[in-house]
Structure formats: structure tokens, C-alpha cells
Amino acid sequence: MSCGILAINALVNYFHPEWFPLIQKEDVAEGRLRTLKLIVDVHEDEVSVRVERMVTKTHCTLGLQIW
């Protein structure tokens, strides 16, 4: 079992048990995958915004139009 995912689950369950039920032992692997997906999604959004800013800044610096 993964203590990290269970610790986070216990913490959020303490504050909002109706939204975050405790993960059952047989569902820990699925919980790990969900957590990984959330982390990847957050980082993907951050990278997308940074790349968009870089492209906009480069185009503006070079006087290019952005379509």
C-alpha cells in the first residue's frame, strides 16, 4: 500500500467526508493512478500557459502577427 495517498485521503476526508470517502484497501492502486493523472494534468496546464506566453512574447518582440 501507499502511505502517501492514504494520508492525503485521510486528511481531505477529515474536512469533507461527504466529498472524499476513505479509500478502501482494494482501491489504492486506482487511487494512485488518479493522483498521478491529477499531477500530470496540473503540470500540463502550467507548461501550456508558459509556452503560450513565450510564443506571444517572441511574436511581439519580432513584430509578427499571432493568428
C-alpha atoms as a PDB file:
ATOM      1  CA  MET A   1       0.000   0.000   0.000  1.00  0.00           C
ATOM      2  CA  SER A   2       0.976   3.576  -0.499  1.00  0.00           C
ATOM      3  CA  CYS A   3       1.017   5.594   2.708  1.00  0.00           C
ATOM      4  CA  GLY A   4       1.181   8.901   0.820  1.00  0.00           C
ATOM      5  CA  ILE A   5      -2.115   8.515  -0.973  1.00  0.00           C
ATOM      6  CA  LEU A   6      -3.796   7.168   2.154  1.00  0.00           C
ATOM      7  CA  ALA A   7      -2.507  10.075   4.254  1.00  0.00           C
ATOM      8  CA  ILE A   8      -3.833  12.653   1.783  1.00  0.00           C
ATOM      9  CA  ASN A   9      -7.130  10.795   1.536  1.00  0.00           C
ATOM     10  CA  ALA A  10      -7.461  10.694   5.330  1.00  0.00           C
ATOM     11  CA  LEU A  11      -6.746  14.422   5.558  1.00  0.00           C
ATOM     12  CA  VAL A  12      -9.304  15.504   2.949  1.00  0.00           C
ATOM     13  CA  ASN A  13     -11.809  13.008   4.346  1.00  0.00           C
ATOM     14  CA  TYR A  14     -11.483  14.639   7.754  1.00  0.00           C
ATOM     15  CA  PHE A  15     -12.565  18.015   6.333  1.00  0.00           C
ATOM     16  CA  HIS A  16     -15.073  16.829   3.693  1.00  0.00           C
ATOM     17  CA  PRO A  17     -16.102  13.205   4.311  1.00  0.00           C
ATOM     18  CA  GLU A  18     -19.119  13.540   2.010  1.00  0.00           C
ATOM     19  CA  TRP A  19     -16.872  14.558  -0.917  1.00  0.00           C
ATOM     20  CA  PHE A  20     -13.868  12.349  -0.157  1.00  0.00           C
ATOM     21  CA  PRO A  21     -14.726   8.937   1.263  1.00  0.00           C
ATOM     22  CA  LEU A  22     -11.873   6.877   2.642  1.00  0.00           C
ATOM     23  CA  ILE A  23     -10.171   4.740   0.004  1.00  0.00           C
ATOM     24  CA  GLN A  24     -10.717   1.043   0.514  1.00  0.00           C
ATOM     25  CA  LYS A  25      -7.681  -1.239   0.550  1.00  0.00           C
ATOM     26  CA  GLU A  26      -8.547  -2.802  -2.807  1.00  0.00           C
ATOM     27  CA  ASP A  27      -8.852   0.643  -4.466  1.00  0.00           C
ATOM     28  CA  VAL A  28      -5.411   2.022  -3.556  1.00  0.00           C
ATOM     29  CA  ALA A  29      -3.856   1.211  -6.965  1.00  0.00           C
ATOM     30  CA  GLU A  30      -6.660   3.083  -8.736  1.00  0.00           C
ATOM     31  CA  GLY A  31      -6.230   5.971  -6.309  1.00  0.00           C
ATOM     32  CA  ARG A  32      -2.533   6.166  -7.151  1.00  0.00           C
ATOM     33  CA  LEU A  33      -3.365   6.392 -10.849  1.00  0.00           C
ATOM     34  CA  ARG A  34      -5.976   9.107 -10.262  1.00  0.00           C
ATOM     35  CA  THR A  35      -3.471  11.109  -8.228  1.00  0.00           C
ATOM     36  CA  LEU A  36      -0.823  10.718 -10.932  1.00  0.00           C
ATOM     37  CA  LYS A  37      -3.313  11.897 -13.564  1.00  0.00           C
ATOM     38  CA  LEU A  38      -4.170  14.979 -11.481  1.00  0.00           C
ATOM     39  CA  ILE A  39      -0.479  15.833 -11.130  1.00  0.00           C
ATOM     40  CA  VAL A  40       0.150  15.366 -14.860  1.00  0.00           C
ATOM     41  CA  ASP A  41      -2.896  17.486 -15.747  1.00  0.00           C
ATOM     42  CA  VAL A  42      -1.750  20.339 -13.498  1.00  0.00           C
ATOM     43  CA  HIS A  43       1.765  20.300 -14.920  1.00  0.00           C
ATOM     44  CA  GLU A  44       0.467  20.035 -18.472  1.00  0.00           C
ATOM     45  CA  ASP A  45      -1.668  23.145 -17.922  1.00  0.00           C
ATOM     46  CA  GLU A  46       1.311  25.042 -16.473  1.00  0.00           C
ATOM     47  CA  VAL A  47       3.576  24.101 -19.373  1.00  0.00           C
ATOM     48  CA  SER A  48       0.891  25.040 -21.894  1.00  0.00           C
ATOM     49  CA  VAL A  49       0.489  28.502 -20.365  1.00  0.00           C
ATOM     50  CA  ARG A  50       4.256  29.071 -20.235  1.00  0.00           C
ATOM     51  CA  VAL A  51       4.743  28.022 -23.852  1.00  0.00           C
ATOM     52  CA  GLU A  52       1.846  30.234 -24.919  1.00  0.00           C
ATOM     53  CA  ARG A  53       3.412  33.206 -23.110  1.00  0.00           C
ATOM     54  CA  MET A  54       6.817  32.527 -24.689  1.00  0.00           C
ATOM     55  CA  VAL A  55       5.310  32.329 -28.174  1.00  0.00           C
ATOM     56  CA  THR A  56       3.303  35.521 -27.646  1.00  0.00           C
ATOM     57  CA  LYS A  57       6.338  37.356 -26.281  1.00  0.00           C
ATOM     58  CA  THR A  58       8.541  36.135 -29.162  1.00  0.00           C
ATOM     59  CA  HIS A  59       5.981  37.128 -31.769  1.00  0.00           C
ATOM     60  CA  CYS A  60       5.508  40.566 -30.222  1.00  0.00           C
ATOM     61  CA  THR A  61       9.268  41.099 -29.963  1.00  0.00           C
ATOM     62  CA  LEU A  62       9.732  40.141 -33.609  1.00  0.00           C
ATOM     63  CA  GLY A  63       6.694  42.136 -34.740  1.00  0.00           C
ATOM     64  CA  LEU A  64       4.895  39.038 -36.036  1.00  0.00           C
ATOM     65  CA  GLN A  65       1.151  38.638 -36.072  1.00  0.00           C
ATOM     66  CA  ILE A  66      -0.397  35.994 -33.860  1.00  0.00           C
ATOM     67  CA  TRP A  67      -3.167  34.077 -35.551  1.00  0.00           C
END
